[in-house]
Every structure is written in structure tokens, then in C-alpha cells.
Amino acid sequence: MNYHPKFARLETKAAGDQDDPIDELKGAFEVHDTAVKARFTDLEAKLAAATDRAERLETAFKRTASGGDREQKVEITGEAKAFHGLLRYGAEALPEVERKSLTASTDTAGGYLVHEQFASEIIKNLVQFSPVRQAARVGQMSASDMLIPVRTGAPTAVWVEETETRSGTQQAYGQQRLTAREMACYIDVSLKLLEDASFNVQDEIAMDLAEEFGRLEGLSFVSGNGVGKPIGILSDTTITTVNTGSAAAVTGDGLINALYALPPFYRNKSSWMLNGTTLASVRKLKDGNGQYLWAPGLREGQPETILGRPVVEAVDMPNEGAGLYPIVVGDFGQGYRVLDRTGMTILRDPYTQATSGLVRFHGRRRVAGDVVKAEALRIVKCST
């Protein structure tokens, strides 16, 4: 029979009639009981840890299921947590480490850069409200001004005989300056909304700023005069204008003339830009065989086309009318440049509107826009 080692020693002692075997037996049971209790305690701790992990996984699963793909891609970073705390409670309530993660260099003005996840959402919304940004070439600039080299003249070659004197030619270059312009606005949010844990402050502020900056940016890219704002396509006097043949409306012949006024290189990559009202008129135009000039996308995700070229609907383009410019056609990627100087910045002001129970958030953004290659674009004018 197998015994606990302690019990074996007790038998030996009992046989030799040494110490009291009853006392030794009690001690053995106490040691064994302590070991069993420690084992159960360890098992209970492991079970509690497993239960806690299962509950956290279930919570994460429910959150993902309720939010769809968008929730699956969201990762709560330290910057996101710090920025959320900034919006709700102000910079004074943040730990020093979190304040440093939001500060732009020395930040003498007290502004805080929006964290990366928030800025990406803003850019997506700007595309929605500013279709010129979709079609144009978009880049970054590291200073307030950027100089773009422009070739203004090309070398000219001629045919010559074997001993005929050659003539020298030289290409010419110039520069074009693009200047970053600033957009700014503010939003007042009530303290009650900021204190409500179920209210998503970041999404609300992001959408409001995106709508306003998108509206202002889109308007300037179309018709801005360059005074404190970007230069719009319609304000560039070097772009060739093609008349519609009618003093009041767009015509099919006018559209054909405008498209084929482009050099083939730009025509093959061109798009039409017009507003919804003009697009409705164009959809009714037919050629001499009774075929509509407009055609829907043949597959899901493909844009509708006019004369085989895609359409960009821009709400800021003018309507049809005498002397107006309702349509632009061309390679916008070659013709127009958008340069972002800074991303979205937010400054929280808890003092100015404190007597009204509001916190003011100041937003700003710097961007440049200008026509860089006029030959890639054509403007359609309602004129005979």
C-alpha cells in the first residue's frame, strides 16, 4: 500500500514507541490540507483570468459586429485617447506624456495637432465635398510657397543636308509659384455634450469641419481669384475657351468641338466637370443618328460618360446661360495641382464662451491650388 511519506515515518516511529503517533498524524494531515488548498487557490485564479479574457473577447466581438467593417479597422492609439481627452476636458487635465504626444513642436500658440486617425477621416470627407481634389494631382508642400519649374519653350530641329550649316536652338524654362492659403472656422460645443460619455465628439466635429472646409475648398478650386485663396480653373485666363454655338445652352457640337480641341495625349485621359443642372441638360442631347451623347456606366463602380469620357459632378460649376462657363474638359491630373501644407489643427478654447456653457474648437487648414498646365484643359462657354 502506498502512503504519504509522512505516514511511513509515523509507522516507523509507532513501531519503535518513540514520539506520540497521534500528534504526528495530525501534523501530516495539516500539511496535506495546506497543499490541497493552495492548489485549489491556484486553479481558482486561473479560472478567473480565463473568464475575464472570455468576457473581454465577447465585448470586443459585440462592438465589432455592431459597427461593421469600420469598427474592425479602428485601433485606439495613445494619441487617439489623448486627443479624445483633450476635446472633453482640456489640456490641463491630461498627463504630461499625453500632452507631449499631441503638441506640434514647441506649440507656442497652444494648438494641438489632430492625431493621424482623425486626420484621415477628414481627408476622406474632403474628397466627398471637393470633387476637384478627386480629379486633380494632389501632393504635399514643406514651405509656404513652392516653385514649380515650367518649360516655356522647346528646342526646334530642322532637316539638313550632309554639309549644310546647322542652326542652334535652346529650350526655355520659367517658374510658377504656388502659395498655401489658410482656411479657418470654429465650432461651439455645449459642456453637456462633452460630458455625455455616449456622445461621439470626434465624429461630430470631424464631419462639421469637413463639410465647411470641403465647401470652401471646392468653391475656390473652381472659381477662386487667388486673393487670399487658391486660383480656380475658371479664373485662369490662359486656358483655351471653346464656344458652344448657342448663346444660352450647351450643344452637342460644342461638346465635340471642346473634346477634340484637346491634344490627343490629354484627350485620352480627360474628364468632364459640370454641375448637376447642366448634366441633366447634357443627358438629353443626341447626335445626328438619334444616339444620346451621355452613356451610363456599364458596370457597377464605373462612372457615367459623355462622348466616352468620365464625368465629375462639381456643384460649384456655373449653370448654362449667356456668357457663362458651365463645363471644363481635360486631363485634370496634368492641368491642376492641389498641395496640402498642413493637416487639420484644432485649438480648444474653454474660456471665451464659458458664460454660455460652451467650449469653442478652432479649426484651420492650409492648402494651395492652381492651374499648372493650361494646355491640358478646355473651358466650354455658352456663346455663338
Protein backbone atom coordinates (compact mmCIF):
# COMPACT_ATOMS: atom_id res chain seq x y z
CA MET A 1 0.00 0.00 0.00
CA ASN A 2 1.27 3.50 -0.91
CA TYR A 3 1.41 6.03 1.88
CA HIS A 4 2.28 9.67 2.16
CA PRO A 5 5.98 9.80 3.16
CA LYS A 6 4.97 11.38 6.44
CA PHE A 7 2.68 8.43 7.22
CA ALA A 8 5.51 5.97 6.52
CA ARG A 9 7.69 7.71 9.07
CA LEU A 10 4.83 7.59 11.59
CA GLU A 11 4.61 3.80 11.25
CA THR A 12 8.29 3.52 11.95
CA LYS A 13 8.04 5.75 14.97
CA ALA A 14 4.98 3.92 16.29
CA ALA A 15 6.83 0.59 15.99
CA GLY A 16 9.74 1.98 17.92
CA ASP A 17 7.41 3.50 20.51
CA GLN A 18 9.11 6.89 20.21
CA ASP A 19 7.00 10.11 19.84
CA ASP A 20 3.22 10.15 20.13
CA PRO A 21 1.92 8.88 16.70
CA ILE A 22 -1.39 10.80 17.07
CA ASP A 23 0.37 14.17 17.12
CA GLU A 24 2.48 13.20 14.15
CA LEU A 25 -0.64 12.09 12.27
CA LYS A 26 -2.37 15.41 12.88
CA GLY A 27 0.65 17.30 11.59
CA ALA A 28 0.71 15.22 8.44
CA PHE A 29 -2.95 15.94 7.74
CA GLU A 30 -2.42 19.70 8.26
CA VAL A 31 0.46 19.75 5.74
CA HIS A 32 -1.55 17.80 3.19
CA ASP A 33 -4.60 20.05 3.68
CA THR A 34 -2.50 23.19 3.15
CA ALA A 35 -1.13 21.84 -0.14
CA VAL A 36 -4.63 20.99 -1.39
CA LYS A 37 -5.93 24.46 -0.51
CA ALA A 38 -3.01 26.12 -2.33
CA ARG A 39 -3.74 24.00 -5.39
CA PHE A 40 -7.41 25.00 -5.37
CA THR A 41 -6.47 28.66 -4.93
CA ASP A 42 -4.20 28.48 -7.97
CA LEU A 43 -6.94 26.83 -10.05
CA GLU A 44 -9.48 29.46 -9.00
CA ALA A 45 -7.10 32.26 -10.05
CA LYS A 46 -6.56 30.68 -13.47
CA LEU A 47 -10.31 30.20 -13.92
CA ALA A 48 -10.97 33.84 -13.03
CA ALA A 49 -8.35 35.00 -15.55
CA ALA A 50 -9.85 32.83 -18.28
CA THR A 51 -13.35 34.12 -17.51
CA ASP A 52 -12.16 37.73 -17.66
CA ARG A 53 -10.47 37.15 -21.02
CA ALA A 54 -13.61 35.49 -22.41
CA GLU A 55 -15.74 38.45 -21.30
CA ARG A 56 -13.33 40.92 -22.95
CA LEU A 57 -13.37 38.94 -26.19
CA GLU A 58 -17.16 38.85 -26.14
CA THR A 59 -17.32 42.62 -25.60
CA ALA A 60 -14.91 43.24 -28.47
CA PHE A 61 -16.91 40.91 -30.72
CA LYS A 62 -20.16 42.71 -29.95
CA ARG A 63 -18.54 46.09 -30.62
CA THR A 64 -17.16 44.89 -33.95
CA ALA A 65 -20.44 43.29 -35.00
CA SER A 66 -22.41 46.44 -34.25
CA GLY A 67 -20.01 48.73 -36.10
CA GLY A 68 -19.26 46.64 -39.24
CA ASP A 69 -16.03 46.94 -41.19
CA ARG A 70 -15.40 50.42 -39.89
CA GLU A 71 -15.07 49.22 -36.31
CA GLN A 72 -12.76 46.39 -37.34
CA LYS A 73 -10.24 48.81 -38.77
CA VAL A 74 -10.23 51.26 -35.85
CA GLU A 75 -7.27 50.96 -33.49
CA ILE A 76 -7.38 53.12 -30.39
CA THR A 77 -3.88 54.55 -30.14
CA GLY A 78 -2.37 56.59 -27.34
CA GLU A 79 -2.70 59.71 -29.49
CA ALA A 80 -6.39 58.99 -30.10
CA LYS A 81 -7.05 58.54 -26.39
CA ALA A 82 -5.16 61.73 -25.56
CA PHE A 83 -6.97 63.73 -28.24
CA HIS A 84 -10.34 62.50 -27.02
CA GLY A 85 -9.39 63.62 -23.51
CA LEU A 86 -8.31 67.00 -24.90
CA LEU A 87 -11.70 67.57 -26.52
CA ARG A 88 -13.65 66.63 -23.41
CA TYR A 89 -11.58 68.01 -20.55
CA GLY A 90 -8.89 70.31 -21.98
CA ALA A 91 -5.10 70.14 -21.99
CA GLU A 92 -4.81 70.90 -18.28
CA ALA A 93 -6.44 67.59 -17.35
CA LEU A 94 -4.08 65.47 -19.47
CA PRO A 95 -0.95 63.80 -18.09
CA GLU A 96 2.33 65.29 -19.29
CA VAL A 97 3.06 62.28 -21.52
CA GLU A 98 -0.25 62.60 -23.35
CA ARG A 99 0.15 66.37 -23.78
CA LYS A 100 3.54 65.79 -25.42
CA SER A 101 2.02 63.29 -27.86
CA LEU A 102 -0.36 65.98 -29.13
CA THR A 103 1.94 69.01 -29.22
CA ALA A 104 3.26 70.30 -32.56
CA SER A 105 6.94 71.12 -31.89
CA THR A 106 7.07 73.82 -29.18
CA ASP A 107 3.48 74.88 -29.92
CA THR A 108 3.84 78.39 -28.54
CA ALA A 109 0.31 79.23 -29.69
CA GLY A 110 -1.23 76.42 -27.69
CA GLY A 111 -2.60 74.49 -30.68
CA TYR A 112 -2.72 70.73 -30.89
CA LEU A 113 -2.30 68.59 -33.99
CA VAL A 114 -5.09 66.18 -34.71
CA HIS A 115 -3.90 62.60 -34.36
CA GLU A 116 -3.41 60.50 -37.52
CA GLN A 117 -6.67 58.53 -37.32
CA PHE A 118 -8.75 61.75 -37.04
CA ALA A 119 -6.90 63.45 -39.91
CA SER A 120 -7.50 60.52 -42.25
CA GLU A 121 -11.22 60.81 -41.68
CA ILE A 122 -11.08 64.50 -42.55
CA ILE A 123 -9.30 63.81 -45.84
CA LYS A 124 -11.93 61.24 -46.83
CA ASN A 125 -14.68 63.73 -46.20
CA LEU A 126 -12.89 66.44 -48.18
CA VAL A 127 -12.93 64.16 -51.23
CA GLN A 128 -16.67 63.80 -50.83
CA PHE A 129 -17.29 67.54 -50.75
CA SER A 130 -14.50 68.71 -53.08
CA PRO A 131 -14.60 66.75 -56.37
CA VAL A 132 -11.77 68.83 -57.87
CA ARG A 133 -9.48 67.12 -55.38
CA GLN A 134 -10.57 63.77 -56.85
CA ALA A 135 -9.56 64.70 -60.38
CA ALA A 136 -6.50 66.91 -59.79
CA ARG A 137 -2.99 65.85 -58.84
CA VAL A 138 -2.61 66.14 -55.04
CA GLY A 139 0.72 66.48 -53.21
CA GLN A 140 2.42 67.94 -50.15
CA MET A 141 4.45 71.11 -49.72
CA SER A 142 7.02 71.69 -46.96
CA ALA A 143 7.00 75.51 -47.05
CA SER A 144 4.52 78.33 -47.53
CA ASP A 145 5.46 78.64 -51.21
CA MET A 146 6.52 76.08 -53.79
CA LEU A 147 8.23 76.93 -57.08
CA ILE A 148 7.43 74.58 -59.96
CA PRO A 149 9.79 74.64 -62.98
CA VAL A 150 7.85 75.15 -66.20
CA ARG A 151 9.20 74.63 -69.72
CA THR A 152 8.12 77.64 -71.76
CA GLY A 153 9.93 76.79 -74.99
CA ALA A 154 11.23 73.62 -76.66
CA PRO A 155 14.24 73.18 -78.96
CA THR A 156 13.44 73.21 -82.67
CA ALA A 157 15.09 70.77 -85.09
CA VAL A 158 15.21 71.05 -88.91
CA TRP A 159 16.22 68.75 -91.74
CA VAL A 160 19.68 69.46 -93.16
CA GLU A 161 21.86 68.21 -95.99
CA GLU A 162 25.16 66.47 -95.39
CA THR A 163 27.29 69.63 -95.29
CA GLU A 164 24.59 72.19 -94.59
CA THR A 165 25.09 74.58 -91.66
CA ARG A 166 23.18 73.60 -88.54
CA SER A 167 21.21 76.17 -86.58
CA GLY A 168 21.32 76.32 -82.81
CA THR A 169 18.16 76.33 -80.66
CA GLN A 170 17.63 76.36 -76.92
CA GLN A 171 14.74 75.30 -74.73
CA ALA A 172 13.44 77.89 -72.25
CA TYR A 173 12.25 77.48 -68.69
CA GLY A 174 10.31 79.56 -66.22
CA GLN A 175 8.85 79.16 -62.74
CA GLN A 176 5.37 79.05 -61.29
CA ARG A 177 4.74 79.83 -57.64
CA LEU A 178 2.05 78.10 -55.62
CA THR A 179 1.21 79.70 -52.26
CA ALA A 180 -0.50 77.92 -49.38
CA ARG A 181 -3.70 79.67 -48.27
CA GLU A 182 -5.37 79.21 -44.91
CA MET A 183 -8.93 78.18 -44.12
CA ALA A 184 -10.30 78.64 -40.62
CA CYS A 185 -13.53 78.32 -38.67
CA TYR A 186 -14.73 77.38 -35.22
CA ILE A 187 -17.41 75.16 -33.70
CA ASP A 188 -19.12 75.67 -30.33
CA VAL A 189 -19.97 72.50 -28.39
CA SER A 190 -22.01 72.51 -25.18
CA LEU A 191 -20.46 71.24 -21.98
CA LYS A 192 -23.34 68.80 -21.58
CA LEU A 193 -22.49 67.10 -24.87
CA LEU A 194 -18.81 66.94 -23.96
CA GLU A 195 -19.68 65.35 -20.62
CA ASP A 196 -22.02 62.78 -22.15
CA ALA A 197 -19.99 59.58 -22.44
CA SER A 198 -22.28 58.16 -25.15
CA PHE A 199 -21.80 61.17 -27.46
CA ASN A 200 -19.06 60.71 -30.08
CA VAL A 201 -17.49 64.17 -30.04
CA GLN A 202 -14.71 63.36 -32.50
CA ASP A 203 -17.01 62.14 -35.29
CA GLU A 204 -19.30 65.15 -34.94
CA ILE A 205 -16.51 67.72 -35.06
CA ALA A 206 -14.81 65.88 -37.92
CA MET A 207 -17.95 65.92 -40.06
CA ASP A 208 -18.75 69.57 -39.34
CA LEU A 209 -15.25 70.75 -40.21
CA ALA A 210 -15.08 68.53 -43.28
CA GLU A 211 -18.33 69.92 -44.65
CA GLU A 212 -17.30 73.54 -44.22
CA PHE A 213 -13.69 73.20 -45.38
CA GLY A 214 -14.80 70.96 -48.24
CA ARG A 215 -17.38 73.52 -49.36
CA LEU A 216 -14.88 76.39 -49.23
CA GLU A 217 -12.07 74.42 -50.85
CA GLY A 218 -14.26 73.12 -53.68
CA LEU A 219 -15.57 76.60 -54.50
CA SER A 220 -12.04 78.07 -54.62
CA PHE A 221 -10.64 75.30 -56.82
CA VAL A 222 -13.35 76.12 -59.36
CA SER A 223 -13.58 79.93 -59.26
CA GLY A 224 -11.09 81.28 -56.69
CA ASN A 225 -9.42 84.56 -57.70
CA GLY A 226 -6.10 83.96 -55.93
CA VAL A 227 -6.61 86.78 -53.40
CA GLY A 228 -6.15 85.03 -50.07
CA LYS A 229 -7.40 81.82 -51.64
CA PRO A 230 -6.32 79.34 -54.36
CA ILE A 231 -6.70 80.20 -58.05
CA GLY A 232 -9.64 78.38 -59.60
CA ILE A 233 -9.80 76.77 -63.01
CA LEU A 234 -12.33 79.24 -64.36
CA SER A 235 -10.17 82.19 -63.22
CA ASP A 236 -7.17 81.17 -65.31
CA THR A 237 -7.17 83.28 -68.47
CA THR A 238 -4.58 81.13 -70.25
CA ILE A 239 -6.96 78.17 -70.72
CA THR A 240 -8.42 77.99 -74.23
CA THR A 241 -12.18 78.62 -74.44
CA VAL A 242 -14.45 76.74 -76.86
CA ASN A 243 -17.88 78.19 -77.70
CA THR A 244 -20.98 76.00 -77.62
CA GLY A 245 -22.52 77.58 -80.73
CA SER A 246 -25.51 78.74 -78.68
CA ALA A 247 -25.78 81.89 -76.58
CA ALA A 248 -27.82 80.22 -73.86
CA ALA A 249 -27.15 76.47 -73.71
CA VAL A 250 -24.71 73.64 -74.23
CA THR A 251 -24.90 71.90 -77.60
CA GLY A 252 -23.73 68.53 -78.83
CA ASP A 253 -21.50 70.14 -81.44
CA GLY A 254 -19.98 72.37 -78.77
CA LEU A 255 -19.08 69.36 -76.63
CA ILE A 256 -17.49 67.55 -79.57
CA ASN A 257 -15.52 70.64 -80.52
CA ALA A 258 -14.25 71.09 -76.94
CA LEU A 259 -13.18 67.46 -76.56
CA TYR A 260 -11.29 67.37 -79.84
CA ALA A 261 -9.69 70.74 -79.21
CA LEU A 262 -7.51 68.91 -76.68
CA PRO A 263 -4.22 67.36 -77.83
CA PRO A 264 -4.64 63.55 -78.07
CA PHE A 265 -2.36 62.92 -75.09
CA TYR A 266 -4.66 64.87 -72.77
CA ARG A 267 -7.87 63.85 -74.52
CA ASN A 268 -7.28 60.17 -73.83
CA LYS A 269 -7.09 60.92 -70.08
CA SER A 270 -9.71 63.65 -69.96
CA SER A 271 -12.84 64.08 -67.83
CA TRP A 272 -15.82 66.40 -67.94
CA MET A 273 -16.57 68.68 -64.99
CA LEU A 274 -20.03 70.23 -64.66
CA ASN A 275 -22.84 70.62 -62.15
CA GLY A 276 -25.99 68.53 -61.84
CA THR A 277 -28.26 71.02 -63.63
CA THR A 278 -26.02 71.15 -66.69
CA LEU A 279 -25.57 67.38 -66.57
CA ALA A 280 -29.34 66.95 -66.78
CA SER A 281 -29.37 69.03 -69.99
CA VAL A 282 -26.43 67.16 -71.49
CA ARG A 283 -28.12 63.81 -70.84
CA LYS A 284 -30.89 64.86 -73.24
CA LEU A 285 -28.53 65.72 -76.11
CA LYS A 286 -28.42 63.40 -79.14
CA ASP A 287 -26.20 63.12 -82.18
CA GLY A 288 -27.38 63.17 -85.78
CA ASN A 289 -28.35 59.48 -85.55
CA GLY A 290 -30.53 59.98 -82.50
CA GLN A 291 -27.98 58.45 -80.10
CA TYR A 292 -27.51 60.06 -76.70
CA LEU A 293 -24.12 61.65 -76.11
CA TRP A 294 -24.33 60.61 -72.46
CA ALA A 295 -23.91 56.96 -71.51
CA PRO A 296 -24.33 55.27 -68.11
CA GLY A 297 -21.57 53.19 -66.54
CA LEU A 298 -21.74 49.67 -67.96
CA ARG A 299 -20.64 48.07 -64.70
CA GLU A 300 -21.02 48.94 -61.04
CA GLY A 301 -18.33 51.37 -59.91
CA GLN A 302 -17.69 52.75 -63.40
CA PRO A 303 -18.56 56.44 -63.95
CA GLU A 304 -21.10 57.67 -66.45
CA THR A 305 -19.55 59.13 -69.60
CA ILE A 306 -20.07 61.86 -72.19
CA LEU A 307 -18.59 61.03 -75.59
CA GLY A 308 -16.77 58.17 -73.92
CA ARG A 309 -15.05 60.28 -71.22
CA PRO A 310 -15.98 60.13 -67.48
CA VAL A 311 -17.96 62.81 -65.67
CA VAL A 312 -17.06 64.63 -62.43
CA GLU A 313 -20.05 66.42 -60.93
CA ALA A 314 -18.99 69.67 -59.22
CA VAL A 315 -21.73 71.67 -57.52
CA ASP A 316 -19.71 74.91 -57.78
CA MET A 317 -19.64 74.98 -61.60
CA PRO A 318 -21.99 77.61 -63.16
CA ASN A 319 -25.28 76.71 -64.84
CA GLU A 320 -25.91 77.18 -68.54
CA GLY A 321 -26.52 80.79 -69.55
CA ALA A 322 -25.37 83.53 -71.90
CA GLY A 323 -21.66 84.23 -71.44
CA LEU A 324 -21.25 81.60 -68.69
CA TYR A 325 -18.74 78.74 -68.48
CA PRO A 326 -20.72 75.65 -67.43
CA ILE A 327 -18.22 72.90 -68.42
CA VAL A 328 -14.50 72.20 -68.22
CA VAL A 329 -12.96 69.22 -70.01
CA GLY A 330 -9.40 67.93 -69.91
CA ASP A 331 -6.76 66.00 -68.03
CA PHE A 332 -7.14 67.48 -64.54
CA GLY A 333 -4.26 65.43 -63.19
CA GLN A 334 -1.92 67.25 -65.58
CA GLY A 335 -3.71 70.58 -65.61
CA TYR A 336 -4.45 71.37 -61.95
CA ARG A 337 -2.34 70.91 -58.83
CA VAL A 338 -3.51 70.74 -55.20
CA LEU A 339 -0.82 70.96 -52.50
CA ASP A 340 -1.51 70.44 -48.80
CA ARG A 341 0.74 72.48 -46.49
CA THR A 342 -0.63 71.38 -43.12
CA GLY A 343 -3.23 68.92 -41.95
CA MET A 344 -6.15 69.77 -39.73
CA THR A 345 -5.26 71.51 -36.47
CA ILE A 346 -7.58 72.01 -33.51
CA LEU A 347 -7.36 74.58 -30.70
CA ARG A 348 -9.66 74.08 -27.70
CA ASP A 349 -10.88 77.32 -26.13
CA PRO A 350 -12.78 76.67 -22.87
CA TYR A 351 -12.86 80.33 -21.78
CA THR A 352 -14.39 82.58 -24.49
CA GLN A 353 -17.87 81.01 -24.35
CA ALA A 354 -17.71 79.72 -20.78
CA THR A 355 -20.56 82.00 -19.62
CA SER A 356 -22.82 80.33 -22.19
CA GLY A 357 -21.87 76.79 -21.18
CA LEU A 358 -19.95 76.22 -24.42
CA VAL A 359 -16.45 75.15 -25.41
CA ARG A 360 -15.13 76.59 -28.69
CA PHE A 361 -12.99 74.50 -31.05
CA HIS A 362 -10.97 76.44 -33.63
CA GLY A 363 -10.03 74.51 -36.77
CA ARG A 364 -7.62 75.51 -39.53
CA ARG A 365 -6.05 74.03 -42.63
CA ARG A 366 -3.58 75.33 -45.27
CA VAL A 367 -3.75 74.32 -48.91
CA ALA A 368 -2.59 75.64 -52.31
CA GLY A 369 -4.26 75.20 -55.69
CA ASP A 370 -3.53 76.49 -59.19
CA VAL A 371 -3.56 75.62 -62.89
CA VAL A 372 -0.09 74.36 -63.81
CA LYS A 373 -0.65 73.24 -67.41
CA ALA A 374 -3.34 75.20 -69.24
CA GLU A 375 -2.91 73.21 -72.47
CA ALA A 376 -4.37 70.14 -70.73
CA LEU A 377 -7.76 71.84 -70.17
CA ARG A 378 -10.55 73.43 -72.24
CA ILE A 379 -13.40 75.60 -70.96
CA VAL A 380 -16.79 75.43 -72.67
CA LYS A 381 -18.55 78.82 -72.94
CA CYS A 382 -22.17 79.44 -73.80
CA SER A 383 -21.66 81.71 -76.79
CA THR A 384 -22.20 81.74 -80.55
